[in-house]
C-alpha atoms as a PDB file:
ATOM      1  CA  MET A   1     -45.383 -13.282  21.404  1.00  0.00           C
ATOM      2  CA  LYS A   2     -46.136 -14.158  17.321  1.00  0.00           C
ATOM      3  CA  LYS A   3     -45.580 -10.510  16.202  1.00  0.00           C
ATOM      4  CA  LYS A   4     -42.850 -10.219  18.251  1.00  0.00           C
ATOM      5  CA  GLN A   5     -41.281 -13.344  16.217  1.00  0.00           C
ATOM      6  CA  MET A   6     -41.798 -11.370  12.964  1.00  0.00           C
ATOM      7  CA  GLY A   7     -40.927  -9.178  14.276  1.00  0.00           C
ATOM      8  CA  LEU A   8     -37.553 -10.528  14.587  1.00  0.00           C
ATOM      9  CA  ARG A   9     -37.864 -12.340  11.254  1.00  0.00           C
ATOM     10  CA  GLN A  10     -38.122  -9.360  10.010  1.00  0.00           C
ATOM     11  CA  LEU A  11     -35.189  -7.817  12.006  1.00  0.00           C
ATOM     12  CA  LYS A  12     -33.016 -10.583  10.843  1.00  0.00           C
ATOM     13  CA  LEU A  13     -34.002 -10.540   6.985  1.00  0.00           C
ATOM     14  CA  ALA A  14     -33.114  -6.965   6.705  1.00  0.00           C
ATOM     15  CA  PHE A  15     -29.773  -7.526   8.342  1.00  0.00           C
ATOM     16  CA  VAL A  16     -28.844 -10.830   5.909  1.00  0.00           C
ATOM     17  CA  LYS A  17     -30.099  -8.163   3.321  1.00  0.00           C
ATOM     18  CA  LEU A  18     -27.807  -5.630   4.128  1.00  0.00           C
ATOM     19  CA  VAL A  19     -25.406  -7.830   4.643  1.00  0.00           C
ATOM     20  CA  LEU A  20     -25.404  -9.022   1.434  1.00  0.00           C
ATOM     21  CA  SER A  21     -25.756  -5.603  -0.343  1.00  0.00           C
ATOM     22  CA  LEU A  22     -22.892  -4.005   1.537  1.00  0.00           C
ATOM     23  CA  LEU A  23     -19.919  -7.283   0.253  1.00  0.00           C
ATOM     24  CA  LEU A  24     -22.230  -6.515  -3.065  1.00  0.00           C
ATOM     25  CA  LEU A  25     -21.051  -3.209  -3.343  1.00  0.00           C
ATOM     26  CA  SER A  26     -17.173  -3.617  -1.933  1.00  0.00           C
ATOM     27  CA  ILE A  27     -16.527  -6.612  -4.468  1.00  0.00           C
ATOM     28  CA  ALA A  28     -18.068  -3.995  -7.507  1.00  0.00           C
ATOM     29  CA  TRP A  29     -15.589  -1.036  -5.453  1.00  0.00           C
ATOM     30  CA  VAL A  30     -12.597  -3.024  -5.970  1.00  0.00           C
ATOM     31  CA  LEU A  31     -14.103  -4.666  -9.571  1.00  0.00           C
ATOM     32  CA  LEU A  32     -13.893  -0.871 -10.267  1.00  0.00           C
ATOM     33  CA  TYR A  33      -9.895  -0.293  -9.359  1.00  0.00           C
ATOM     34  CA  ARG A  34      -8.744  -3.383 -11.082  1.00  0.00           C
ATOM     35  CA  TRP A  35      -8.938  -1.436 -14.550  1.00  0.00           C
ATOM     36  CA  VAL A  36      -9.774   2.503 -13.010  1.00  0.00           C
ATOM     37  CA  ALA A  37      -6.900   4.602 -10.946  1.00  0.00           C
ATOM     38  CA  PRO A  38      -8.276   5.606  -8.129  1.00  0.00           C
ATOM     39  CA  PRO A  39      -9.188   9.076  -7.901  1.00  0.00           C
ATOM     40  CA  ALA A  40      -7.565   9.633  -4.478  1.00  0.00           C
ATOM     41  CA  THR A  41      -7.661   8.279  -1.202  1.00  0.00           C
ATOM     42  CA  LEU A  42      -9.080   8.817   2.588  1.00  0.00           C
ATOM     43  CA  HIS A  43      -4.969   9.201   3.792  1.00  0.00           C
ATOM     44  CA  MET A  44      -4.916  11.677   0.825  1.00  0.00           C
ATOM     45  CA  VAL A  45      -7.907  13.975   1.522  1.00  0.00           C
ATOM     46  CA  LYS A  46      -6.714  13.627   5.426  1.00  0.00           C
ATOM     47  CA  ARG A  47      -3.165  14.616   4.868  1.00  0.00           C
ATOM     48  CA  ARG A  48      -4.566  17.791   2.592  1.00  0.00           C
ATOM     49  CA  ALA A  49      -6.772  18.164   5.523  1.00  0.00           C
ATOM     50  CA  GLU A  50      -3.858  18.626   7.352  1.00  0.00           C
ATOM     51  CA  ALA A  51      -1.728  20.647   5.234  1.00  0.00           C
ATOM     52  CA  GLY A  52      -4.579  23.174   4.912  1.00  0.00           C
ATOM     53  CA  LYS A  53      -5.014  23.498   8.974  1.00  0.00           C
ATOM     54  CA  ALA A  54      -1.347  23.581   9.129  1.00  0.00           C
ATOM     55  CA  GLU A  55      -1.001  27.129   6.432  1.00  0.00           C
ATOM     56  CA  ARG A  56       1.951  25.548   4.709  1.00  0.00           C
ATOM     57  CA  GLU A  57       3.028  27.268   1.572  1.00  0.00           C
ATOM     58  CA  GLU A  58       2.421  24.135  -0.725  1.00  0.00           C
ATOM     59  CA  PRO A  59      -0.525  22.771   0.370  1.00  0.00           C
ATOM     60  CA  GLU A  60      -1.399  20.389  -2.185  1.00  0.00           C
ATOM     61  CA  ILE A  61      -1.161  16.558  -2.413  1.00  0.00           C
ATOM     62  CA  LEU A  62       1.715  15.188  -5.545  1.00  0.00           C
ATOM     63  CA  TYR A  63      -0.179  12.693  -7.344  1.00  0.00           C
ATOM     64  CA  LYS A  64       0.216  10.785 -10.602  1.00  0.00           C
ATOM     65  CA  PHE A  65      -1.046   7.553 -11.541  1.00  0.00           C
ATOM     66  CA  ILE A  66       0.880   5.268 -14.360  1.00  0.00           C
ATOM     67  CA  ALA A  67       0.909   1.983 -15.649  1.00  0.00           C
ATOM     68  CA  LEU A  68       3.557  -0.844 -14.162  1.00  0.00           C
ATOM     69  CA  GLU A  69       4.727  -0.179 -17.639  1.00  0.00           C
ATOM     70  CA  GLU A  70       5.892   3.882 -17.094  1.00  0.00           C
ATOM     71  CA  MET A  71       7.957   2.829 -14.106  1.00  0.00           C
ATOM     72  CA  SER A  72      11.658   1.039 -13.630  1.00  0.00           C
ATOM     73  CA  GLU A  73      11.652  -2.396 -12.040  1.00  0.00           C
ATOM     74  CA  GLN A  74      13.974  -1.529  -9.872  1.00  0.00           C
ATOM     75  CA  LEU A  75      11.295   0.064  -8.248  1.00  0.00           C
ATOM     76  CA  PRO A  76       8.504  -2.907  -7.232  1.00  0.00           C
ATOM     77  CA  LEU A  77      11.534  -4.768  -6.611  1.00  0.00           C
ATOM     78  CA  ALA A  78      12.564  -1.779  -4.188  1.00  0.00           C
ATOM     79  CA  VAL A  79       9.178  -2.663  -2.204  1.00  0.00           C
ATOM     80  CA  VAL A  80       9.313  -5.578  -2.136  1.00  0.00           C
ATOM     81  CA  ALA A  81      12.428  -6.152  -1.044  1.00  0.00           C
ATOM     82  CA  SER A  82      12.052  -3.203   1.402  1.00  0.00           C
ATOM     83  CA  GLU A  83       8.321  -4.190   3.131  1.00  0.00           C
ATOM     84  CA  ASP A  84       7.435  -7.581   2.738  1.00  0.00           C
ATOM     85  CA  GLN A  85       9.928 -10.217   0.787  1.00  0.00           C
ATOM     86  CA  LEU A  86       6.952 -12.545   0.698  1.00  0.00           C
ATOM     87  CA  PHE A  87       5.014 -11.087  -1.610  1.00  0.00           C
ATOM     88  CA  PRO A  88       5.670 -12.433  -4.606  1.00  0.00           C
ATOM     89  CA  VAL A  89       4.353 -16.118  -3.616  1.00  0.00           C
ATOM     90  CA  HIS A  90       2.191 -15.281   0.111  1.00  0.00           C
ATOM     91  CA  GLN A  91      -1.860 -15.522  -0.438  1.00  0.00           C
ATOM     92  CA  GLY A  92      -2.419 -11.804   0.928  1.00  0.00           C
ATOM     93  CA  PHE A  93      -0.418 -12.558   4.611  1.00  0.00           C
ATOM     94  CA  ASP A  94       2.679 -12.584   6.180  1.00  0.00           C
ATOM     95  CA  PHE A  95       1.449 -15.017   9.486  1.00  0.00           C
ATOM     96  CA  ASN A  96       4.912 -15.269  10.991  1.00  0.00           C
ATOM     97  CA  ALA A  97       5.458 -11.141  10.238  1.00  0.00           C
ATOM     98  CA  ILE A  98       2.052 -10.955  12.117  1.00  0.00           C
ATOM     99  CA  LYS A  99       2.869 -13.376  15.074  1.00  0.00           C
ATOM    100  CA  GLY A 100       6.306 -11.366  15.685  1.00  0.00           C
ATOM    101  CA  ALA A 101       4.039  -8.478  15.667  1.00  0.00           C
ATOM    102  CA  PHE A 102       1.500  -9.177  17.870  1.00  0.00           C
ATOM    103  CA  LYS A 103       4.032 -10.355  20.246  1.00  0.00           C
ATOM    104  CA  GLY A 104       6.033  -7.420  20.216  1.00  0.00           C
ATOM    105  CA  ASN A 105       3.250  -5.222  20.481  1.00  0.00           C
ATOM    106  CA  ARG A 106       2.191  -7.512  23.309  1.00  0.00           C
ATOM    107  CA  LYS A 107       5.697  -6.478  25.531  1.00  0.00           C
ATOM    108  CA  GLY A 108       5.624  -3.286  24.429  1.00  0.00           C
ATOM    109  CA  ASN A 109       8.165  -3.046  22.131  1.00  0.00           C
ATOM    110  CA  ASN A 110       8.016  -0.685  19.226  1.00  0.00           C
ATOM    111  CA  ILE A 111       8.128  -2.823  16.519  1.00  0.00           C
ATOM    112  CA  ARG A 112       6.781  -2.326  12.949  1.00  0.00           C
ATOM    113  CA  GLY A 113       5.884  -5.011  10.264  1.00  0.00           C
ATOM    114  CA  GLY A 114       3.545  -7.360  10.031  1.00  0.00           C
ATOM    115  CA  SER A 115       1.070  -5.736   7.317  1.00  0.00           C
ATOM    116  CA  THR A 116       2.370  -7.414   3.809  1.00  0.00           C
ATOM    117  CA  ILE A 117       1.878  -5.156   0.912  1.00  0.00           C
ATOM    118  CA  SER A 118      -1.448  -6.343   0.081  1.00  0.00           C
ATOM    119  CA  GLN A 119      -2.439  -5.021   3.328  1.00  0.00           C
ATOM    120  CA  GLN A 120      -1.468  -2.033   3.224  1.00  0.00           C
ATOM    121  CA  VAL A 121      -2.931  -1.114  -0.456  1.00  0.00           C
ATOM    122  CA  ALA A 122      -6.455  -2.988   1.325  1.00  0.00           C
ATOM    123  CA  LYS A 123      -6.076  -0.193   4.567  1.00  0.00           C
ATOM    124  CA  ASN A 124      -5.111   2.894   2.184  1.00  0.00           C
ATOM    125  CA  VAL A 125      -7.274   2.150  -0.832  1.00  0.00           C
ATOM    126  CA  PHE A 126     -10.570   0.841   0.823  1.00  0.00           C
ATOM    127  CA  LEU A 127     -10.275   1.882   4.141  1.00  0.00           C
ATOM    128  CA  TRP A 128      -9.032   4.668   7.124  1.00  0.00           C
ATOM    129  CA  HIS A 129      -6.515   4.528   9.092  1.00  0.00           C
ATOM    130  CA  GLY A 130      -6.660   3.130  13.016  1.00  0.00           C
ATOM    131  CA  ARG A 131      -5.771   0.091  15.142  1.00  0.00           C
ATOM    132  CA  SER A 132      -9.737  -0.927  16.309  1.00  0.00           C
ATOM    133  CA  TYR A 133     -10.156  -4.828  15.608  1.00  0.00           C
ATOM    134  CA  LEU A 134     -12.654  -3.271  13.658  1.00  0.00           C
ATOM    135  CA  ARG A 135     -10.786  -2.480  11.171  1.00  0.00           C
ATOM    136  CA  LYS A 136      -8.187  -4.621  10.994  1.00  0.00           C
ATOM    137  CA  ALA A 137     -11.301  -7.698   9.775  1.00  0.00           C
ATOM    138  CA  ILE A 138     -12.618  -5.230   7.302  1.00  0.00           C
ATOM    139  CA  GLU A 139      -8.978  -4.943   6.142  1.00  0.00           C
ATOM    140  CA  ALA A 140      -8.129  -8.007   5.856  1.00  0.00           C
ATOM    141  CA  TYR A 141     -11.479  -8.609   4.168  1.00  0.00           C
ATOM    142  CA  PHE A 142     -10.259  -6.505   1.358  1.00  0.00           C
ATOM    143  CA  THR A 143      -6.807  -7.512   0.986  1.00  0.00           C
ATOM    144  CA  VAL A 144      -8.477 -11.255   0.213  1.00  0.00           C
ATOM    145  CA  LEU A 145     -10.870  -9.662  -2.300  1.00  0.00           C
ATOM    146  CA  ILE A 146      -7.688  -7.533  -3.931  1.00  0.00           C
ATOM    147  CA  GLU A 147      -5.440 -10.651  -3.849  1.00  0.00           C
ATOM    148  CA  VAL A 148      -8.432 -12.999  -5.594  1.00  0.00           C
ATOM    149  CA  LEU A 149     -10.078 -10.072  -8.572  1.00  0.00           C
ATOM    150  CA  TRP A 150      -6.809  -8.282  -9.410  1.00  0.00           C
ATOM    151  CA  GLY A 151      -3.400 -10.248  -9.100  1.00  0.00           C
ATOM    152  CA  LYS A 152      -0.252  -9.046  -7.392  1.00  0.00           C
ATOM    153  CA  GLU A 153       0.298  -7.356 -10.493  1.00  0.00           C
ATOM    154  CA  ARG A 154      -2.654  -5.163 -10.312  1.00  0.00           C
ATOM    155  CA  ILE A 155      -1.617  -4.706  -5.984  1.00  0.00           C
ATOM    156  CA  ILE A 156       2.215  -3.617  -7.021  1.00  0.00           C
ATOM    157  CA  GLU A 157       1.158  -1.323  -9.614  1.00  0.00           C
ATOM    158  CA  VAL A 158      -1.353   0.466  -6.663  1.00  0.00           C
ATOM    159  CA  TYR A 159       0.732  -0.049  -3.920  1.00  0.00           C
ATOM    160  CA  LEU A 160       3.696   2.025  -6.149  1.00  0.00           C
ATOM    161  CA  ASN A 161       1.007   4.940  -7.006  1.00  0.00           C
ATOM    162  CA  ILE A 162      -0.640   5.787  -3.515  1.00  0.00           C
ATOM    163  CA  ALA A 163       2.191   5.536  -1.707  1.00  0.00           C
ATOM    164  CA  GLU A 164       3.558   8.316   0.669  1.00  0.00           C
ATOM    165  CA  MET A 165       6.850   8.654  -0.193  1.00  0.00           C
ATOM    166  CA  GLY A 166       7.498  12.501   1.307  1.00  0.00           C
ATOM    167  CA  ASP A 167       5.282  15.316   2.424  1.00  0.00           C
ATOM    168  CA  GLY A 168       2.177  15.381   0.562  1.00  0.00           C
ATOM    169  CA  VAL A 169       3.996  12.876  -2.531  1.00  0.00           C
ATOM    170  CA  PHE A 170       2.503  10.271  -3.466  1.00  0.00           C
ATOM    171  CA  GLY A 171       3.780   7.369  -6.416  1.00  0.00           C
ATOM    172  CA  VAL A 172       6.569   7.015  -7.569  1.00  0.00           C
ATOM    173  CA  GLU A 173       5.868   9.151 -10.379  1.00  0.00           C
ATOM    174  CA  ALA A 174       5.297  12.340  -8.211  1.00  0.00           C
ATOM    175  CA  ALA A 175       8.610  11.112  -6.119  1.00  0.00           C
ATOM    176  CA  SER A 176      10.603  10.364  -8.750  1.00  0.00           C
ATOM    177  CA  GLN A 177       9.638  13.848 -10.373  1.00  0.00           C
ATOM    178  CA  LYS A 178       9.866  15.672  -7.411  1.00  0.00           C
ATOM    179  CA  PHE A 179      13.412  14.342  -6.018  1.00  0.00           C
ATOM    180  CA  PHE A 180      15.534  13.500  -9.438  1.00  0.00           C
ATOM    181  CA  GLY A 181      13.978  15.887 -12.082  1.00  0.00           C
ATOM    182  CA  LYS A 182      12.801  12.382 -13.603  1.00  0.00           C
ATOM    183  CA  PRO A 183      10.489  10.282 -14.409  1.00  0.00           C
ATOM    184  CA  ALA A 184       9.580   6.878 -12.358  1.00  0.00           C
ATOM    185  CA  MET A 185      11.091   5.301 -15.550  1.00  0.00           C
ATOM    186  CA  ASP A 186      14.119   6.095 -15.332  1.00  0.00           C
ATOM    187  CA  LEU A 187      15.093   5.271 -12.323  1.00  0.00           C
ATOM    188  CA  LYS A 188      18.562   2.913 -10.848  1.00  0.00           C
ATOM    189  CA  ARG A 189      18.826   0.701  -8.672  1.00  0.00           C
ATOM    190  CA  ARG A 190      20.205   3.218  -5.628  1.00  0.00           C
ATOM    191  CA  GLU A 191      17.412   5.775  -6.807  1.00  0.00           C
ATOM    192  CA  ALA A 192      14.492   3.818  -6.044  1.00  0.00           C
ATOM    193  CA  ALA A 193      16.232   1.818  -2.777  1.00  0.00           C
ATOM    194  CA  LEU A 194      15.958   5.202  -1.315  1.00  0.00           C
ATOM    195  CA  LEU A 195      12.835   6.179  -1.987  1.00  0.00           C
ATOM    196  CA  ALA A 196      11.488   2.358  -0.545  1.00  0.00           C
ATOM    197  CA  ALA A 197      13.890   3.635   2.226  1.00  0.00           C
ATOM    198  CA  VAL A 198      11.921   7.204   3.742  1.00  0.00           C
ATOM    199  CA  LEU A 199       8.410   4.612   3.742  1.00  0.00           C
ATOM    200  CA  PRO A 200       8.730   4.087   7.236  1.00  0.00           C
ATOM    201  CA  ASN A 201       7.356   7.310   8.063  1.00  0.00           C
ATOM    202  CA  PRO A 202       7.846  10.016   4.461  1.00  0.00           C
ATOM    203  CA  ILE A 203       7.013  12.937   7.219  1.00  0.00           C
ATOM    204  CA  LYS A 204      10.344  12.090   9.207  1.00  0.00           C
ATOM    205  CA  PHE A 205      12.774  10.772   6.749  1.00  0.00           C
ATOM    206  CA  SER A 206      13.351  12.685   3.016  1.00  0.00           C
ATOM    207  CA  ALA A 207      14.279  11.441  -0.144  1.00  0.00           C
ATOM    208  CA  LYS A 208      15.484  14.750  -1.327  1.00  0.00           C
ATOM    209  CA  ASN A 209      18.467  15.333   1.418  1.00  0.00           C
ATOM    210  CA  PRO A 210      18.273  11.597   3.254  1.00  0.00           C
ATOM    211  CA  SER A 211      20.160  11.674   7.057  1.00  0.00           C
ATOM    212  CA  SER A 212      22.259   8.805   7.652  1.00  0.00           C
ATOM    213  CA  TYR A 213      19.578   6.626   8.872  1.00  0.00           C
ATOM    214  CA  VAL A 214      18.489   6.684   5.387  1.00  0.00           C
ATOM    215  CA  ARG A 215      21.365   6.302   3.506  1.00  0.00           C
ATOM    216  CA  THR A 216      22.263   3.003   5.626  1.00  0.00           C
ATOM    217  CA  ARG A 217      18.621   1.904   4.737  1.00  0.00           C
ATOM    218  CA  ARG A 218      18.980   2.316   0.958  1.00  0.00           C
ATOM    219  CA  SER A 219      21.854   0.765   1.248  1.00  0.00           C
ATOM    220  CA  ARG A 220      20.869  -2.184   3.409  1.00  0.00           C
ATOM    221  CA  ILE A 221      17.995  -2.549   0.981  1.00  0.00           C
ATOM    222  CA  SER A 222      20.032  -2.453  -2.212  1.00  0.00           C
ATOM    223  CA  ARG A 223      22.282  -5.176  -0.493  1.00  0.00           C
ATOM    224  CA  ALA A 224      18.917  -7.292  -0.101  1.00  0.00           C
ATOM    225  CA  MET A 225      17.539  -6.342  -3.365  1.00  0.00           C
ATOM    226  CA  GLY A 226      20.397  -7.787  -4.902  1.00  0.00           C
ATOM    227  CA  ARG A 227      20.753 -10.661  -2.503  1.00  0.00           C
ATOM    228  CA  LEU A 228      16.817 -11.609  -4.223  1.00  0.00           C
ATOM    229  CA  GLY A 229      18.043 -11.977  -7.657  1.00  0.00           C
ATOM    230  CA  GLY A 230      17.352  -8.607  -8.960  1.00  0.00           C
ATOM    231  CA  THR A 231      14.422  -8.469 -11.261  1.00  0.00           C
ATOM    232  CA  THR A 232      14.147 -11.969 -12.146  1.00  0.00           C
ATOM    233  CA  TYR A 233      12.843 -12.218  -8.636  1.00  0.00           C
ATOM    234  CA  ILE A 234       9.099 -10.104  -9.169  1.00  0.00           C
ATOM    235  CA  LYS A 235       9.608 -11.227 -12.837  1.00  0.00           C
ATOM    236  CA  ASP A 236       6.298 -13.480 -12.278  1.00  0.00           C
ATOM    237  CA  ILE A 237       4.614 -10.100 -11.014  1.00  0.00           C
ATOM    238  CA  LEU A 238       5.717  -7.755 -13.626  1.00  0.00           C
ATOM    239  CA  PRO A 239       4.188  -7.582 -16.902  1.00  0.00           C
ATOM    240  CA  GLU A 240       5.144 -10.356 -19.277  1.00  0.00           C
ATOM    241  CA  ASN A 241       5.906  -8.454 -21.962  1.00  0.00           C
ATOM    242  CA  ASP A 242       7.588  -5.772 -20.749  1.00  0.00           C
ATOM    243  CA  GLU A 243      10.832  -5.667 -21.759  1.00  0.00           C
ATOM    244  CA  LYS A 244      12.533  -2.426 -19.913  1.00  0.00           C
END
């Protein structure tokens, strides 16, 4: 009996050590990406593999990480207006949106929403894509970590660099060069709104040849950017010395 109790105690101790090790490793990983650009994400690797299997003529992934200071201020404004208007003020979660998405899913409705920009960054940078409760729980954990250890400025910077904005085109710099032939720094409001308009499905929607739906969505996003008050709405999440 004593041997059994000792065995259980050792097992519990080993489990606690494993959990603590994973927690410390995850914190170190998040802190590393606070200053270092992610070399790639699992989604990029997956998309590259899919392109290779499909024998696409251009299977490479376009990705170039740039600082927030190297982007037009219209870009963070556009994605906030389109994806997560409460981003400057929430703590990583929009519980009303999550509740609405949950209710819609239970009814069988095809509702897009619920995930904040912070949650999307946590998912795309640190995790795999999926719909399990375990993955959502880990996503919530990483969301809290990046909110605490990164802050809003770094979160929006990473989001704008790793979001897929075209078939195999990741980030605003690669998208700006491919679709507009100029750097992300030079994009105007309607161009930024167009990139944000394809985010729901960058494989189906195109910034190069926008459909009527994408053009309508671009106009809606552009108007939302104006209603929010323009770039003054996001001034608290931009670099203090940014004078673009």
